[in-house]
Structure formats: C-alpha cells, structure tokens
Amino acid sequence: MARTDDPRMKKALEMLHAIEDKDAADAVVSVLNELAPDYAKATVAYAFGDTYARTKQLALRDREITTIAALAAMGNALPQLKVHIRSGLKVGLSQQEIVEIIGHVGVYAGFPAAANAYFAMKEALAESAAARQAAAAKGGAAKPAAGKIKSVKAKTSKAAPAAKAKLAKAGKKG
C-alpha cells in the first residue's frame, strides 16, 4: 500500500475509496506501488488527491461522466473504463445514463470506440454482479447495483443518497 503519512496520498485514498470498492482500489495502488512507487505516488496523488478532490469545482458524479467519456473515446483503456463505469454507478449514475454517455462519445470518437466501451460496460456489470453474489455467499448482505435500471425512465440510483453523503464527507476533508 502507498504511504499514508503523505497528506496527498491520504486524500487520494479517501477519494479512491469514495468512488471504488476499497479492496479493489487498494489492490491497484499496491501493485503500482510495488512495481513503480514513484509512478504510483505521482499518478495516484495527482489524479485522486489533487484532481478528484476538487469537488467544489466539479462533483464526483460529473467527474465520472467526464472520465467515462474520455476513456471510452480513447478506446485503449478498457480496464480503466470498467473501473470508472463501476465508479459511476457508485456515485449515482444509472446504467441508462452510462449507455447514453457512451453512445454520445461514439458520435465524436467513432463507433468502434463506443462498441468497445459497451463491451467493457457489460464486463464491468457482470463483475459487479459476481462480487455482490460472492459477498452474499459469505454472509454479507447482497447490495443491489447502484444505478440498476428498472425501466428506461430511471435517472438516479437507489444508492445515490448514501453515495452523495459519503462523497460530501470525502470532499469536505480536503
């Protein structure tokens, strides 16, 4: 794990935990820290401790919209796109909103980029469902996916109020 006595890294880890599953986020940071500690500190501290923490300027939900769109447009960052699709759901985006974001990207970045992003979305949703099932099998309460669509009219997830409270708390610490 990255050093937590560094205030930027503390803030970065708080923000990462606000948008991503704690264990998954810690695993990525640990691998980066093991292989390239300077790179891990520079990228994680800057991206999440400095940039994502600017929640007064742009809410985390809006940052995830931007991040999903940018990664989908790149077309070569599918593992990161899957992480941010799950993060988007965690901060209150619905599946339908993510579908619309990716479709909109396709107009500007090309249909192959959008198709690849939809495939990444399908994988991210399947991975989230498998993680919920595993948690339920271990005796934990199975949580419904944030942003799970009941109908096309769904605009916010059931988890949005809890996510907003957690994000507000994380944003106020920085």
C-alpha atoms as a PDB file:
ATOM      1  CA  MET A   1       0.000   0.000   0.000  1.00  0.00           C
ATOM      2  CA  ALA A   2       1.113   3.569  -0.580  1.00  0.00           C
ATOM      3  CA  ARG A   3       2.463   5.657   2.290  1.00  0.00           C
ATOM      4  CA  THR A   4      -0.427   7.098   4.229  1.00  0.00           C
ATOM      5  CA  ASP A   5       1.586   9.684   6.160  1.00  0.00           C
ATOM      6  CA  ASP A   6       1.700  11.794   2.979  1.00  0.00           C
ATOM      7  CA  PRO A   7      -1.344  14.140   3.080  1.00  0.00           C
ATOM      8  CA  ARG A   8      -1.820  13.978  -0.696  1.00  0.00           C
ATOM      9  CA  MET A   9      -1.849  10.182  -0.638  1.00  0.00           C
ATOM     10  CA  LYS A  10      -4.238  10.174   2.338  1.00  0.00           C
ATOM     11  CA  LYS A  11      -6.622  12.375   0.384  1.00  0.00           C
ATOM     12  CA  ALA A  12      -6.101  10.301  -2.773  1.00  0.00           C
ATOM     13  CA  LEU A  13      -7.004   7.080  -0.946  1.00  0.00           C
ATOM     14  CA  GLU A  14     -10.085   8.713   0.592  1.00  0.00           C
ATOM     15  CA  MET A  15     -11.252   9.781  -2.861  1.00  0.00           C
ATOM     16  CA  LEU A  16     -10.471   6.376  -4.381  1.00  0.00           C
ATOM     17  CA  HIS A  17     -12.459   4.663  -1.642  1.00  0.00           C
ATOM     18  CA  ALA A  18     -15.344   7.080  -2.236  1.00  0.00           C
ATOM     19  CA  ILE A  19     -15.635   6.083  -5.904  1.00  0.00           C
ATOM     20  CA  GLU A  20     -14.338   2.499  -5.997  1.00  0.00           C
ATOM     21  CA  ASP A  21     -14.516  -0.647  -3.907  1.00  0.00           C
ATOM     22  CA  LYS A  22     -11.890  -0.255  -1.163  1.00  0.00           C
ATOM     23  CA  ASP A  23     -10.254  -3.652  -1.690  1.00  0.00           C
ATOM     24  CA  ALA A  24     -10.078  -3.219  -5.475  1.00  0.00           C
ATOM     25  CA  ALA A  25      -8.659   0.299  -5.177  1.00  0.00           C
ATOM     26  CA  ASP A  26      -6.092  -0.778  -2.579  1.00  0.00           C
ATOM     27  CA  ALA A  27      -5.046  -3.732  -4.775  1.00  0.00           C
ATOM     28  CA  VAL A  28      -4.340  -1.452  -7.752  1.00  0.00           C
ATOM     29  CA  VAL A  29      -2.398   1.015  -5.619  1.00  0.00           C
ATOM     30  CA  SER A  30      -0.423  -1.844  -4.030  1.00  0.00           C
ATOM     31  CA  VAL A  31       0.588  -3.302  -7.392  1.00  0.00           C
ATOM     32  CA  LEU A  32       1.621   0.096  -8.732  1.00  0.00           C
ATOM     33  CA  ASN A  33       3.473   0.850  -5.509  1.00  0.00           C
ATOM     34  CA  GLU A  34       5.298  -2.492  -5.640  1.00  0.00           C
ATOM     35  CA  LEU A  35       6.363  -2.117  -9.280  1.00  0.00           C
ATOM     36  CA  ALA A  36       6.860   1.625  -9.588  1.00  0.00           C
ATOM     37  CA  PRO A  37       6.441   3.510  -6.300  1.00  0.00           C
ATOM     38  CA  ASP A  38       7.338   6.916  -7.756  1.00  0.00           C
ATOM     39  CA  TYR A  39       4.831   6.435 -10.571  1.00  0.00           C
ATOM     40  CA  ALA A  40       2.181   5.245  -8.100  1.00  0.00           C
ATOM     41  CA  LYS A  41       2.651   8.258  -5.873  1.00  0.00           C
ATOM     42  CA  ALA A  42       2.748  10.735  -8.756  1.00  0.00           C
ATOM     43  CA  THR A  43      -0.311   9.420 -10.563  1.00  0.00           C
ATOM     44  CA  VAL A  44      -2.491   8.418  -7.625  1.00  0.00           C
ATOM     45  CA  ALA A  45      -1.728  11.514  -5.556  1.00  0.00           C
ATOM     46  CA  TYR A  46      -2.267  13.848  -8.510  1.00  0.00           C
ATOM     47  CA  ALA A  47      -5.285  12.159 -10.091  1.00  0.00           C
ATOM     48  CA  PHE A  48      -7.208  11.445  -6.910  1.00  0.00           C
ATOM     49  CA  GLY A  49      -5.635  13.563  -4.153  1.00  0.00           C
ATOM     50  CA  ASP A  50      -5.380  16.749  -6.184  1.00  0.00           C
ATOM     51  CA  THR A  51      -7.847  16.488  -9.074  1.00  0.00           C
ATOM     52  CA  TYR A  52     -10.721  14.254  -7.944  1.00  0.00           C
ATOM     53  CA  ALA A  53     -10.688  16.015  -4.568  1.00  0.00           C
ATOM     54  CA  ARG A  54     -11.732  19.295  -6.216  1.00  0.00           C
ATOM     55  CA  THR A  55     -15.384  18.504  -5.543  1.00  0.00           C
ATOM     56  CA  LYS A  56     -16.327  22.151  -5.009  1.00  0.00           C
ATOM     57  CA  GLN A  57     -15.388  22.852  -8.633  1.00  0.00           C
ATOM     58  CA  LEU A  58     -16.881  19.673 -10.148  1.00  0.00           C
ATOM     59  CA  ALA A  59     -18.844  16.980  -8.317  1.00  0.00           C
ATOM     60  CA  LEU A  60     -17.580  13.390  -8.354  1.00  0.00           C
ATOM     61  CA  ARG A  61     -20.615  12.313 -10.366  1.00  0.00           C
ATOM     62  CA  ASP A  62     -19.687  14.851 -13.051  1.00  0.00           C
ATOM     63  CA  ARG A  63     -16.029  13.799 -12.904  1.00  0.00           C
ATOM     64  CA  GLU A  64     -17.094  10.215 -13.542  1.00  0.00           C
ATOM     65  CA  ILE A  65     -19.185  11.302 -16.548  1.00  0.00           C
ATOM     66  CA  THR A  66     -16.124  13.082 -17.911  1.00  0.00           C
ATOM     67  CA  THR A  67     -13.806  10.180 -17.132  1.00  0.00           C
ATOM     68  CA  ILE A  68     -16.097   7.574 -18.698  1.00  0.00           C
ATOM     69  CA  ALA A  69     -16.408   9.715 -21.827  1.00  0.00           C
ATOM     70  CA  ALA A  70     -12.650  10.308 -22.081  1.00  0.00           C
ATOM     71  CA  LEU A  71     -11.723   6.662 -21.537  1.00  0.00           C
ATOM     72  CA  ALA A  72     -14.383   5.477 -23.978  1.00  0.00           C
ATOM     73  CA  ALA A  73     -13.090   7.943 -26.582  1.00  0.00           C
ATOM     74  CA  MET A  74      -9.507   6.779 -26.091  1.00  0.00           C
ATOM     75  CA  GLY A  75     -10.514   3.262 -26.966  1.00  0.00           C
ATOM     76  CA  ASN A  76      -7.361   1.731 -25.470  1.00  0.00           C
ATOM     77  CA  ALA A  77      -8.015   1.951 -21.736  1.00  0.00           C
ATOM     78  CA  LEU A  78     -10.729  -0.656 -21.271  1.00  0.00           C
ATOM     79  CA  PRO A  79      -9.594  -1.888 -17.815  1.00  0.00           C
ATOM     80  CA  GLN A  80      -9.697   1.685 -16.529  1.00  0.00           C
ATOM     81  CA  LEU A  81     -13.024   2.272 -18.273  1.00  0.00           C
ATOM     82  CA  LYS A  82     -14.523  -0.726 -16.447  1.00  0.00           C
ATOM     83  CA  VAL A  83     -13.319   0.680 -13.118  1.00  0.00           C
ATOM     84  CA  HIS A  84     -14.875   4.058 -13.860  1.00  0.00           C
ATOM     85  CA  ILE A  85     -18.150   2.549 -15.078  1.00  0.00           C
ATOM     86  CA  ARG A  86     -18.430   0.837 -11.677  1.00  0.00           C
ATOM     87  CA  SER A  87     -17.387   4.098 -10.019  1.00  0.00           C
ATOM     88  CA  GLY A  88     -20.015   5.988 -11.995  1.00  0.00           C
ATOM     89  CA  LEU A  89     -22.661   3.602 -10.709  1.00  0.00           C
ATOM     90  CA  LYS A  90     -21.322   4.037  -7.175  1.00  0.00           C
ATOM     91  CA  VAL A  91     -21.619   7.833  -7.318  1.00  0.00           C
ATOM     92  CA  GLY A  92     -25.172   7.752  -8.640  1.00  0.00           C
ATOM     93  CA  LEU A  93     -25.111   7.362 -12.416  1.00  0.00           C
ATOM     94  CA  SER A  94     -27.699   4.965 -13.783  1.00  0.00           C
ATOM     95  CA  GLN A  95     -26.862   2.289 -16.318  1.00  0.00           C
ATOM     96  CA  GLN A  96     -29.014   4.169 -18.835  1.00  0.00           C
ATOM     97  CA  GLU A  97     -27.014   7.365 -18.288  1.00  0.00           C
ATOM     98  CA  ILE A  98     -23.772   5.473 -18.917  1.00  0.00           C
ATOM     99  CA  VAL A  99     -25.282   3.947 -22.068  1.00  0.00           C
ATOM    100  CA  GLU A 100     -26.109   7.489 -23.240  1.00  0.00           C
ATOM    101  CA  ILE A 101     -22.623   8.796 -22.394  1.00  0.00           C
ATOM    102  CA  ILE A 102     -21.004   6.035 -24.433  1.00  0.00           C
ATOM    103  CA  GLY A 103     -23.431   6.498 -27.321  1.00  0.00           C
ATOM    104  CA  HIS A 104     -22.699  10.209 -27.387  1.00  0.00           C
ATOM    105  CA  VAL A 105     -18.967   9.501 -27.417  1.00  0.00           C
ATOM    106  CA  GLY A 106     -19.488   7.265 -30.456  1.00  0.00           C
ATOM    107  CA  VAL A 107     -20.647  10.236 -32.500  1.00  0.00           C
ATOM    108  CA  TYR A 108     -17.345  12.038 -31.929  1.00  0.00           C
ATOM    109  CA  ALA A 109     -14.790   9.292 -31.248  1.00  0.00           C
ATOM    110  CA  GLY A 110     -16.162   6.691 -33.635  1.00  0.00           C
ATOM    111  CA  PHE A 111     -18.442   3.721 -33.490  1.00  0.00           C
ATOM    112  CA  PRO A 112     -15.679   1.172 -32.781  1.00  0.00           C
ATOM    113  CA  ALA A 113     -14.666   3.120 -29.642  1.00  0.00           C
ATOM    114  CA  ALA A 114     -18.285   3.167 -28.466  1.00  0.00           C
ATOM    115  CA  ALA A 115     -18.784  -0.534 -29.244  1.00  0.00           C
ATOM    116  CA  ASN A 116     -15.648  -1.396 -27.252  1.00  0.00           C
ATOM    117  CA  ALA A 117     -16.907   0.764 -24.383  1.00  0.00           C
ATOM    118  CA  TYR A 118     -20.245  -1.071 -24.403  1.00  0.00           C
ATOM    119  CA  PHE A 119     -18.385  -4.387 -24.217  1.00  0.00           C
ATOM    120  CA  ALA A 120     -16.358  -3.035 -21.277  1.00  0.00           C
ATOM    121  CA  MET A 121     -19.609  -1.915 -19.641  1.00  0.00           C
ATOM    122  CA  LYS A 122     -21.084  -5.387 -19.992  1.00  0.00           C
ATOM    123  CA  GLU A 123     -17.967  -6.881 -18.353  1.00  0.00           C
ATOM    124  CA  ALA A 124     -17.994  -4.289 -15.554  1.00  0.00           C
ATOM    125  CA  LEU A 125     -21.648  -5.020 -14.783  1.00  0.00           C
ATOM    126  CA  ALA A 126     -21.014  -8.777 -14.774  1.00  0.00           C
ATOM    127  CA  GLU A 127     -18.002  -8.329 -12.457  1.00  0.00           C
ATOM    128  CA  SER A 128     -20.089  -6.182 -10.101  1.00  0.00           C
ATOM    129  CA  ALA A 129     -22.864  -8.772 -10.035  1.00  0.00           C
ATOM    130  CA  ALA A 130     -20.354 -11.554  -9.328  1.00  0.00           C
ATOM    131  CA  ALA A 131     -18.820  -9.537  -6.480  1.00  0.00           C
ATOM    132  CA  ARG A 132     -22.280  -8.963  -4.952  1.00  0.00           C
ATOM    133  CA  GLN A 133     -23.072 -12.673  -5.219  1.00  0.00           C
ATOM    134  CA  ALA A 134     -19.751 -13.591  -3.593  1.00  0.00           C
ATOM    135  CA  ALA A 135     -20.433 -11.146  -0.751  1.00  0.00           C
ATOM    136  CA  ALA A 136     -23.889 -12.606  -0.268  1.00  0.00           C
ATOM    137  CA  ALA A 137     -22.466 -16.145  -0.222  1.00  0.00           C
ATOM    138  CA  LYS A 138     -20.039 -15.116   2.534  1.00  0.00           C
ATOM    139  CA  GLY A 139     -22.971 -13.996   4.641  1.00  0.00           C
ATOM    140  CA  GLY A 140     -22.815 -10.316   3.773  1.00  0.00           C
ATOM    141  CA  ALA A 141     -25.909  -8.571   2.609  1.00  0.00           C
ATOM    142  CA  ALA A 142     -26.082  -8.526  -1.166  1.00  0.00           C
ATOM    143  CA  LYS A 143     -26.397  -4.927  -2.228  1.00  0.00           C
ATOM    144  CA  PRO A 144     -28.194  -4.116  -5.451  1.00  0.00           C
ATOM    145  CA  ALA A 145     -26.016  -2.490  -8.065  1.00  0.00           C
ATOM    146  CA  ALA A 146     -26.092   1.256  -7.863  1.00  0.00           C
ATOM    147  CA  GLY A 147     -27.765   2.523 -10.981  1.00  0.00           C
ATOM    148  CA  LYS A 148     -29.608  -0.751 -11.701  1.00  0.00           C
ATOM    149  CA  ILE A 149     -32.297   0.055 -14.234  1.00  0.00           C
ATOM    150  CA  LYS A 150     -35.884  -0.963 -13.600  1.00  0.00           C
ATOM    151  CA  SER A 151     -37.036   0.993 -16.639  1.00  0.00           C
ATOM    152  CA  VAL A 152     -35.632   3.369 -19.199  1.00  0.00           C
ATOM    153  CA  LYS A 153     -37.101   6.222 -17.137  1.00  0.00           C
ATOM    154  CA  ALA A 154     -34.675   5.564 -14.249  1.00  0.00           C
ATOM    155  CA  LYS A 155     -32.414   8.551 -13.819  1.00  0.00           C
ATOM    156  CA  THR A 156     -30.817   8.035 -10.412  1.00  0.00           C
ATOM    157  CA  SER A 157     -29.842   5.004  -8.426  1.00  0.00           C
ATOM    158  CA  LYS A 158     -31.336   3.913  -5.127  1.00  0.00           C
ATOM    159  CA  ALA A 159     -27.852   4.226  -3.662  1.00  0.00           C
ATOM    160  CA  ALA A 160     -27.473   7.854  -4.773  1.00  0.00           C
ATOM    161  CA  PRO A 161     -28.380   9.481  -1.413  1.00  0.00           C
ATOM    162  CA  ALA A 162     -25.896   7.286   0.505  1.00  0.00           C
ATOM    163  CA  ALA A 163     -23.253   7.809  -2.164  1.00  0.00           C
ATOM    164  CA  LYS A 164     -23.787  11.579  -2.086  1.00  0.00           C
ATOM    165  CA  ALA A 165     -23.383  11.648   1.706  1.00  0.00           C
ATOM    166  CA  LYS A 166     -20.148   9.625   1.521  1.00  0.00           C
ATOM    167  CA  LEU A 167     -18.829  11.811  -1.311  1.00  0.00           C
ATOM    168  CA  ALA A 168     -19.715  15.004   0.539  1.00  0.00           C
ATOM    169  CA  LYS A 169     -17.838  13.742   3.592  1.00  0.00           C
ATOM    170  CA  ALA A 170     -14.791  12.833   1.486  1.00  0.00           C
ATOM    171  CA  GLY A 171     -14.907  16.207  -0.302  1.00  0.00           C
ATOM    172  CA  LYS A 172     -15.082  18.214   2.931  1.00  0.00           C
ATOM    173  CA  LYS A 173     -11.905  16.625   4.288  1.00  0.00           C
ATOM    174  CA  GLY A 174      -9.798  18.257   1.575  1.00  0.00           C
END
